[in-house]
Amino acid sequence: MEDRTEREAACPAVRERVQDSFGRQGLMSHLGARLAHIGPGRVHIVLPARPEVTQQHGYVHAGATGAIADSAGGYAALTLFDEESEVLTVEYKINLLAPAAGDHLEAIGSVLRSGRTLTVCQLEVYGVRADGPRKLVANGQQTLIRVNRTAG
């Protein structure tokens, strides 16, 4: 059965707000990550595998893996908030299931429950090879808090 959220796109205003916010993230820019999909309650972030994001064995570093997972979940939550709200991570836990190998990683954040104050997201990170199947390399859960947008 196809996952509907995989193909649904967020409305243009939400996509623009998420893209603008993502563009202000120095870490995502530094890592070379990019938004690949913005849908209602679901965001995909792609990180190309390059030497600058690897650890000593050549796999993508757990810190980079966790960072894109955290951002994917945060932006998934943001897609469901009004334009006066922002999001901050309260906590997240990630299990590293396999070495993060592939041509790129794809982090998927999916909202499990969006509340007035707290939102819970599922986090998945896949290693993707051009010549092979996707492999789940990390899985986690995240709690976020909705905060009022600040000026500036």
N, C-alpha and C. Protein backbone atom coordinates (compact mmCIF):
# COMPACT_ATOMS: atom_id res chain seq x y z
N MET A 1 0.84 -1.19 0.00
CA MET A 1 0.00 0.00 0.00
C MET A 1 0.88 1.24 0.00
N GLU A 2 0.61 2.19 -0.89
CA GLU A 2 1.40 3.40 -0.99
C GLU A 2 1.08 4.35 0.16
N ASP A 3 2.10 4.99 0.68
CA ASP A 3 1.93 5.97 1.75
C ASP A 3 1.53 7.30 1.10
N ARG A 4 0.30 7.75 1.36
CA ARG A 4 -0.19 9.00 0.76
C ARG A 4 0.70 10.18 1.07
N THR A 5 1.22 10.25 2.29
CA THR A 5 2.04 11.40 2.68
C THR A 5 3.33 11.46 1.88
N GLU A 6 3.70 10.36 1.24
CA GLU A 6 4.91 10.32 0.42
C GLU A 6 4.75 11.21 -0.81
N ARG A 7 3.52 11.35 -1.29
CA ARG A 7 3.32 12.10 -2.53
C ARG A 7 2.61 13.43 -2.34
N GLU A 8 2.05 13.68 -1.17
CA GLU A 8 1.36 14.94 -0.92
C GLU A 8 2.37 16.06 -0.70
N ALA A 9 2.12 17.18 -1.31
CA ALA A 9 2.98 18.35 -1.11
C ALA A 9 2.24 19.35 -0.22
N ALA A 10 3.00 20.05 0.58
CA ALA A 10 2.43 21.11 1.41
C ALA A 10 2.01 22.27 0.51
N CYS A 11 1.13 23.10 1.00
CA CYS A 11 0.70 24.27 0.22
C CYS A 11 1.90 25.19 0.00
N PRO A 12 1.84 26.04 -1.03
CA PRO A 12 2.99 26.90 -1.36
C PRO A 12 3.47 27.78 -0.20
N ALA A 13 2.56 28.32 0.60
CA ALA A 13 2.97 29.18 1.71
C ALA A 13 3.77 28.40 2.75
N VAL A 14 3.34 27.19 3.05
CA VAL A 14 4.06 26.35 4.02
C VAL A 14 5.41 25.95 3.46
N ARG A 15 5.45 25.53 2.19
CA ARG A 15 6.73 25.16 1.57
C ARG A 15 7.71 26.33 1.63
N GLU A 16 7.23 27.53 1.33
CA GLU A 16 8.10 28.71 1.36
C GLU A 16 8.62 28.98 2.77
N ARG A 17 7.74 28.86 3.77
CA ARG A 17 8.16 29.11 5.16
C ARG A 17 9.21 28.09 5.59
N VAL A 18 9.03 26.81 5.25
CA VAL A 18 10.00 25.78 5.59
C VAL A 18 11.31 26.01 4.84
N GLN A 19 11.23 26.30 3.56
CA GLN A 19 12.45 26.54 2.78
C GLN A 19 13.23 27.75 3.29
N ASP A 20 12.51 28.82 3.65
CA ASP A 20 13.18 30.01 4.20
C ASP A 20 13.89 29.68 5.51
N SER A 21 13.20 28.97 6.39
CA SER A 21 13.80 28.60 7.67
C SER A 21 15.01 27.68 7.46
N PHE A 22 14.85 26.69 6.59
CA PHE A 22 15.95 25.76 6.31
C PHE A 22 17.16 26.52 5.76
N GLY A 23 16.91 27.51 4.93
CA GLY A 23 17.99 28.31 4.36
C GLY A 23 18.78 29.10 5.40
N ARG A 24 18.18 29.34 6.56
CA ARG A 24 18.87 30.07 7.64
C ARG A 24 19.66 29.15 8.55
N GLN A 25 19.57 27.84 8.33
CA GLN A 25 20.29 26.88 9.18
C GLN A 25 21.73 26.74 8.71
N GLY A 26 22.64 27.29 9.45
CA GLY A 26 24.05 27.19 9.09
C GLY A 26 24.56 25.76 9.05
N LEU A 27 24.12 24.92 9.98
CA LEU A 27 24.62 23.55 10.01
C LEU A 27 24.19 22.76 8.78
N MET A 28 22.92 22.89 8.38
CA MET A 28 22.46 22.15 7.21
C MET A 28 23.24 22.59 5.97
N SER A 29 23.47 23.87 5.85
CA SER A 29 24.26 24.40 4.74
C SER A 29 25.69 23.86 4.80
N HIS A 30 26.28 23.90 5.98
CA HIS A 30 27.65 23.42 6.17
C HIS A 30 27.78 21.93 5.80
N LEU A 31 26.78 21.14 6.16
CA LEU A 31 26.81 19.72 5.86
C LEU A 31 26.54 19.43 4.38
N GLY A 32 25.88 20.36 3.69
CA GLY A 32 25.51 20.14 2.30
C GLY A 32 24.16 19.47 2.15
N ALA A 33 23.32 19.55 3.19
CA ALA A 33 22.00 18.92 3.18
C ALA A 33 21.02 19.80 2.40
N ARG A 34 19.99 19.15 1.85
CA ARG A 34 18.95 19.89 1.12
C ARG A 34 17.59 19.27 1.38
N LEU A 35 16.57 20.09 1.27
CA LEU A 35 15.20 19.61 1.38
C LEU A 35 14.84 18.85 0.10
N ALA A 36 14.26 17.67 0.26
CA ALA A 36 13.87 16.87 -0.90
C ALA A 36 12.35 16.76 -1.03
N HIS A 37 11.63 16.90 0.08
CA HIS A 37 10.17 16.81 0.05
C HIS A 37 9.61 17.54 1.25
N ILE A 38 8.56 18.33 1.01
CA ILE A 38 7.84 19.02 2.09
C ILE A 38 6.38 18.70 1.90
N GLY A 39 5.84 17.92 2.80
CA GLY A 39 4.43 17.56 2.76
C GLY A 39 3.80 17.83 4.11
N PRO A 40 2.48 17.77 4.21
CA PRO A 40 1.82 17.98 5.50
C PRO A 40 2.26 16.92 6.51
N GLY A 41 3.00 17.36 7.52
CA GLY A 41 3.45 16.45 8.57
C GLY A 41 4.58 15.52 8.15
N ARG A 42 5.24 15.80 7.03
CA ARG A 42 6.31 14.91 6.55
C ARG A 42 7.33 15.71 5.75
N VAL A 43 8.60 15.56 6.13
CA VAL A 43 9.70 16.25 5.43
C VAL A 43 10.84 15.28 5.21
N HIS A 44 11.44 15.36 4.02
CA HIS A 44 12.61 14.55 3.67
C HIS A 44 13.80 15.49 3.48
N ILE A 45 14.94 15.12 4.05
CA ILE A 45 16.18 15.86 3.87
C ILE A 45 17.22 14.89 3.34
N VAL A 46 17.95 15.32 2.30
CA VAL A 46 18.98 14.51 1.68
C VAL A 46 20.34 15.09 2.02
N LEU A 47 21.26 14.19 2.37
CA LEU A 47 22.65 14.57 2.66
C LEU A 47 23.57 13.75 1.77
N PRO A 48 24.25 14.39 0.81
CA PRO A 48 25.20 13.65 -0.02
C PRO A 48 26.36 13.12 0.84
N ALA A 49 26.77 11.90 0.56
CA ALA A 49 27.93 11.33 1.26
C ALA A 49 29.18 11.92 0.62
N ARG A 50 29.97 12.60 1.43
CA ARG A 50 31.24 13.16 0.98
C ARG A 50 32.23 13.06 2.13
N PRO A 51 33.50 13.12 1.84
CA PRO A 51 34.51 12.93 2.91
C PRO A 51 34.32 13.86 4.11
N GLU A 52 33.82 15.05 3.89
CA GLU A 52 33.68 16.03 4.99
C GLU A 52 32.64 15.63 6.03
N VAL A 53 31.76 14.69 5.73
CA VAL A 53 30.72 14.30 6.70
C VAL A 53 30.91 12.88 7.21
N THR A 54 32.07 12.29 6.94
CA THR A 54 32.31 10.91 7.35
C THR A 54 33.11 10.82 8.65
N GLN A 55 33.07 9.63 9.23
CA GLN A 55 33.92 9.33 10.37
C GLN A 55 35.12 8.52 9.85
N GLN A 56 35.93 8.01 10.75
CA GLN A 56 37.22 7.40 10.39
C GLN A 56 37.11 6.13 9.54
N HIS A 57 35.93 5.49 9.51
CA HIS A 57 35.77 4.26 8.72
C HIS A 57 35.14 4.53 7.36
N GLY A 58 34.84 5.79 7.09
CA GLY A 58 34.26 6.16 5.80
C GLY A 58 32.75 6.22 5.76
N TYR A 59 32.08 5.91 6.87
CA TYR A 59 30.62 6.01 6.93
C TYR A 59 30.24 7.44 7.30
N VAL A 60 29.03 7.84 6.94
CA VAL A 60 28.56 9.16 7.36
C VAL A 60 28.51 9.17 8.89
N HIS A 61 29.04 10.22 9.47
CA HIS A 61 29.17 10.36 10.92
C HIS A 61 27.79 10.36 11.59
N ALA A 62 27.72 9.74 12.77
CA ALA A 62 26.47 9.69 13.53
C ALA A 62 25.95 11.10 13.85
N GLY A 63 26.85 12.05 14.06
CA GLY A 63 26.42 13.43 14.32
C GLY A 63 25.68 14.03 13.14
N ALA A 64 26.18 13.78 11.93
CA ALA A 64 25.51 14.28 10.73
C ALA A 64 24.19 13.54 10.52
N THR A 65 24.19 12.24 10.78
CA THR A 65 22.97 11.43 10.66
C THR A 65 21.90 11.96 11.61
N GLY A 66 22.28 12.19 12.86
CA GLY A 66 21.34 12.71 13.85
C GLY A 66 20.86 14.11 13.53
N ALA A 67 21.76 14.93 13.00
CA ALA A 67 21.39 16.31 12.68
C ALA A 67 20.33 16.38 11.59
N ILE A 68 20.47 15.57 10.54
CA ILE A 68 19.46 15.64 9.48
C ILE A 68 18.14 15.01 9.93
N ALA A 69 18.22 14.00 10.79
CA ALA A 69 16.99 13.40 11.34
C ALA A 69 16.25 14.42 12.20
N ASP A 70 16.98 15.11 13.07
CA ASP A 70 16.40 16.13 13.94
C ASP A 70 15.73 17.22 13.13
N SER A 71 16.41 17.69 12.09
CA SER A 71 15.84 18.76 11.27
C SER A 71 14.63 18.28 10.47
N ALA A 72 14.68 17.06 9.96
CA ALA A 72 13.53 16.54 9.22
C ALA A 72 12.29 16.48 10.11
N GLY A 73 12.45 16.02 11.34
CA GLY A 73 11.32 15.98 12.27
C GLY A 73 10.82 17.36 12.63
N GLY A 74 11.74 18.27 12.88
CA GLY A 74 11.35 19.63 13.23
C GLY A 74 10.57 20.31 12.12
N TYR A 75 11.03 20.13 10.90
CA TYR A 75 10.31 20.76 9.78
C TYR A 75 9.01 20.04 9.48
N ALA A 76 8.93 18.73 9.72
CA ALA A 76 7.66 18.03 9.57
C ALA A 76 6.62 18.64 10.52
N ALA A 77 7.04 18.89 11.76
CA ALA A 77 6.13 19.52 12.73
C ALA A 77 5.74 20.93 12.27
N LEU A 78 6.71 21.69 11.79
CA LEU A 78 6.46 23.07 11.38
C LEU A 78 5.41 23.14 10.27
N THR A 79 5.34 22.13 9.42
CA THR A 79 4.34 22.15 8.33
C THR A 79 2.91 22.18 8.85
N LEU A 80 2.71 21.77 10.10
CA LEU A 80 1.36 21.71 10.67
C LEU A 80 1.05 22.90 11.58
N PHE A 81 2.03 23.79 11.78
CA PHE A 81 1.84 24.93 12.67
C PHE A 81 1.39 26.16 11.88
N ASP A 82 0.75 27.10 12.59
CA ASP A 82 0.37 28.35 11.93
C ASP A 82 1.62 29.22 11.71
N GLU A 83 1.47 30.26 10.93
CA GLU A 83 2.64 31.07 10.54
C GLU A 83 3.24 31.87 11.68
N GLU A 84 2.55 31.96 12.80
CA GLU A 84 3.10 32.68 13.96
C GLU A 84 3.88 31.77 14.89
N SER A 85 4.01 30.49 14.55
CA SER A 85 4.67 29.52 15.41
C SER A 85 6.00 29.05 14.83
N GLU A 86 6.87 28.69 15.71
CA GLU A 86 8.15 28.07 15.38
C GLU A 86 8.25 26.78 16.18
N VAL A 87 9.35 26.08 16.04
CA VAL A 87 9.50 24.79 16.69
C VAL A 87 10.91 24.67 17.26
N LEU A 88 11.02 24.04 18.40
CA LEU A 88 12.31 23.72 19.01
C LEU A 88 12.26 22.27 19.48
N THR A 89 13.38 21.58 19.34
CA THR A 89 13.46 20.21 19.81
C THR A 89 13.59 20.19 21.32
N VAL A 90 12.76 19.39 21.98
CA VAL A 90 12.85 19.18 23.42
C VAL A 90 13.78 18.01 23.69
N GLU A 91 13.61 16.93 22.91
CA GLU A 91 14.49 15.77 23.03
C GLU A 91 14.33 14.91 21.80
N TYR A 92 15.37 14.15 21.51
CA TYR A 92 15.23 13.09 20.53
C TYR A 92 16.18 11.97 20.86
N LYS A 93 15.74 10.79 20.44
CA LYS A 93 16.53 9.57 20.65
C LYS A 93 16.64 8.91 19.30
N ILE A 94 17.84 8.50 18.98
CA ILE A 94 18.05 7.85 17.69
C ILE A 94 18.83 6.57 17.89
N ASN A 95 18.39 5.52 17.23
CA ASN A 95 19.11 4.25 17.23
C ASN A 95 19.83 4.13 15.89
N LEU A 96 21.12 3.88 15.95
CA LEU A 96 21.92 3.65 14.76
C LEU A 96 21.86 2.16 14.48
N LEU A 97 21.19 1.78 13.41
CA LEU A 97 20.90 0.38 13.12
C LEU A 97 21.93 -0.29 12.22
N ALA A 98 22.61 0.50 11.41
CA ALA A 98 23.60 -0.03 10.46
C ALA A 98 24.54 1.11 10.10
N PRO A 99 25.74 0.78 9.61
CA PRO A 99 26.63 1.86 9.17
C PRO A 99 25.94 2.73 8.12
N ALA A 100 26.09 4.02 8.25
CA ALA A 100 25.45 4.98 7.34
C ALA A 100 26.26 5.08 6.06
N ALA A 101 25.98 4.17 5.14
CA ALA A 101 26.71 4.10 3.88
C ALA A 101 25.74 4.33 2.73
N GLY A 102 26.28 4.81 1.63
CA GLY A 102 25.50 5.02 0.42
C GLY A 102 25.98 6.25 -0.31
N ASP A 103 25.34 6.53 -1.43
CA ASP A 103 25.66 7.74 -2.19
C ASP A 103 25.15 8.96 -1.45
N HIS A 104 24.03 8.77 -0.74
CA HIS A 104 23.50 9.84 0.10
C HIS A 104 22.64 9.22 1.19
N LEU A 105 22.36 10.02 2.21
CA LEU A 105 21.40 9.64 3.24
C LEU A 105 20.12 10.43 3.00
N GLU A 106 19.00 9.80 3.33
CA GLU A 106 17.73 10.49 3.27
C GLU A 106 17.06 10.35 4.63
N ALA A 107 16.85 11.49 5.28
CA ALA A 107 16.16 11.53 6.57
C ALA A 107 14.71 11.88 6.33
N ILE A 108 13.82 11.14 6.99
CA ILE A 108 12.39 11.39 6.86
C ILE A 108 11.83 11.63 8.26
N GLY A 109 11.24 12.79 8.43
CA GLY A 109 10.55 13.12 9.67
C GLY A 109 9.06 13.06 9.42
N SER A 110 8.33 12.33 10.27
CA SER A 110 6.88 12.17 10.14
C SER A 110 6.22 12.47 11.47
N VAL A 111 5.22 13.32 11.45
CA VAL A 111 4.50 13.66 12.67
C VAL A 111 3.61 12.49 13.08
N LEU A 112 3.78 12.06 14.32
CA LEU A 112 2.92 11.02 14.89
C LEU A 112 1.72 11.66 15.60
N ARG A 113 1.98 12.77 16.30
CA ARG A 113 0.92 13.50 17.00
C ARG A 113 1.33 14.96 17.13
N SER A 114 0.45 15.83 16.67
CA SER A 114 0.69 17.26 16.78
C SER A 114 -0.28 17.82 17.81
N GLY A 115 0.27 18.35 18.89
CA GLY A 115 -0.56 18.92 19.94
C GLY A 115 -0.43 20.43 20.00
N ARG A 116 -1.17 21.04 20.93
CA ARG A 116 -1.11 22.50 21.09
C ARG A 116 0.29 22.95 21.47
N THR A 117 0.95 22.17 22.32
CA THR A 117 2.27 22.56 22.82
C THR A 117 3.35 21.60 22.35
N LEU A 118 3.14 20.30 22.52
CA LEU A 118 4.14 19.31 22.15
C LEU A 118 3.73 18.51 20.92
N THR A 119 4.72 18.19 20.11
CA THR A 119 4.52 17.36 18.92
C THR A 119 5.52 16.23 18.98
N VAL A 120 5.09 15.04 18.59
CA VAL A 120 5.96 13.86 18.57
C VAL A 120 6.12 13.41 17.12
N CYS A 121 7.38 13.17 16.74
CA CYS A 121 7.69 12.74 15.36
C CYS A 121 8.48 11.44 15.36
N GLN A 122 8.28 10.69 14.30
CA GLN A 122 9.10 9.52 14.00
C GLN A 122 10.21 9.97 13.07
N LEU A 123 11.41 9.46 13.31
CA LEU A 123 12.58 9.79 12.50
C LEU A 123 13.13 8.53 11.86
N GLU A 124 13.39 8.58 10.57
CA GLU A 124 14.02 7.48 9.85
C GLU A 124 15.12 8.04 8.98
N VAL A 125 16.22 7.32 8.91
CA VAL A 125 17.31 7.72 8.01
C VAL A 125 17.70 6.50 7.19
N TYR A 126 17.75 6.68 5.89
CA TYR A 126 18.09 5.61 4.96
C TYR A 126 19.41 5.92 4.27
N GLY A 127 20.22 4.89 4.08
CA GLY A 127 21.37 4.97 3.20
C GLY A 127 20.89 4.59 1.81
N VAL A 128 21.21 5.41 0.82
CA VAL A 128 20.69 5.20 -0.53
C VAL A 128 21.85 5.09 -1.50
N ARG A 129 21.84 4.01 -2.26
CA ARG A 129 22.82 3.81 -3.33
C ARG A 129 22.09 3.90 -4.66
N ALA A 130 22.75 4.50 -5.65
CA ALA A 130 22.14 4.63 -6.97
C ALA A 130 21.86 3.26 -7.59
N ASP A 131 22.68 2.28 -7.26
CA ASP A 131 22.57 0.96 -7.90
C ASP A 131 21.95 -0.10 -6.99
N GLY A 132 21.27 0.33 -5.94
CA GLY A 132 20.73 -0.67 -5.02
C GLY A 132 19.57 -0.15 -4.21
N PRO A 133 19.03 -0.98 -3.33
CA PRO A 133 17.88 -0.57 -2.52
C PRO A 133 18.28 0.37 -1.39
N ARG A 134 17.28 1.07 -0.87
CA ARG A 134 17.48 1.91 0.33
C ARG A 134 17.62 0.99 1.52
N LYS A 135 18.45 1.41 2.48
CA LYS A 135 18.64 0.62 3.69
C LYS A 135 18.42 1.52 4.90
N LEU A 136 17.57 1.08 5.82
CA LEU A 136 17.32 1.84 7.04
C LEU A 136 18.58 1.78 7.90
N VAL A 137 19.18 2.95 8.18
CA VAL A 137 20.41 2.99 8.97
C VAL A 137 20.19 3.60 10.35
N ALA A 138 19.08 4.32 10.53
CA ALA A 138 18.79 4.92 11.84
C ALA A 138 17.29 5.13 11.97
N ASN A 139 16.82 5.01 13.22
CA ASN A 139 15.41 5.18 13.52
C ASN A 139 15.31 5.86 14.87
N GLY A 140 14.36 6.76 15.02
CA GLY A 140 14.24 7.43 16.29
C GLY A 140 12.90 8.09 16.50
N GLN A 141 12.81 8.79 17.63
CA GLN A 141 11.61 9.52 17.97
C GLN A 141 12.02 10.86 18.57
N GLN A 142 11.18 11.84 18.38
CA GLN A 142 11.52 13.20 18.77
C GLN A 142 10.30 13.88 19.38
N THR A 143 10.55 14.72 20.38
CA THR A 143 9.51 15.57 20.95
C THR A 143 9.91 17.01 20.70
N LEU A 144 8.96 17.79 20.20
CA LEU A 144 9.20 19.20 19.87
C LEU A 144 8.22 20.07 20.62
N ILE A 145 8.60 21.32 20.84
CA ILE A 145 7.70 22.28 21.47
C ILE A 145 7.42 23.42 20.49
N ARG A 146 6.17 23.79 20.46
CA ARG A 146 5.75 24.93 19.63
C ARG A 146 6.04 26.20 20.43
N VAL A 147 6.68 27.17 19.79
CA VAL A 147 6.96 28.46 20.42
C VAL A 147 6.48 29.57 19.50
N ASN A 148 6.23 30.74 20.06
CA ASN A 148 5.82 31.88 19.25
C ASN A 148 7.00 32.39 18.45
N ARG A 149 6.73 32.77 17.22
CA ARG A 149 7.77 33.32 16.35
C ARG A 149 8.25 34.64 16.94
N THR A 150 9.57 34.81 16.95
CA THR A 150 10.15 36.04 17.47
C THR A 150 10.52 36.95 16.32
N ALA A 151 10.42 38.23 16.54
CA ALA A 151 10.78 39.22 15.51
C ALA A 151 12.27 39.17 15.27
N GLY A 152 12.66 39.44 14.03
CA GLY A 152 14.09 39.51 13.70
C GLY A 152 14.59 38.21 13.31
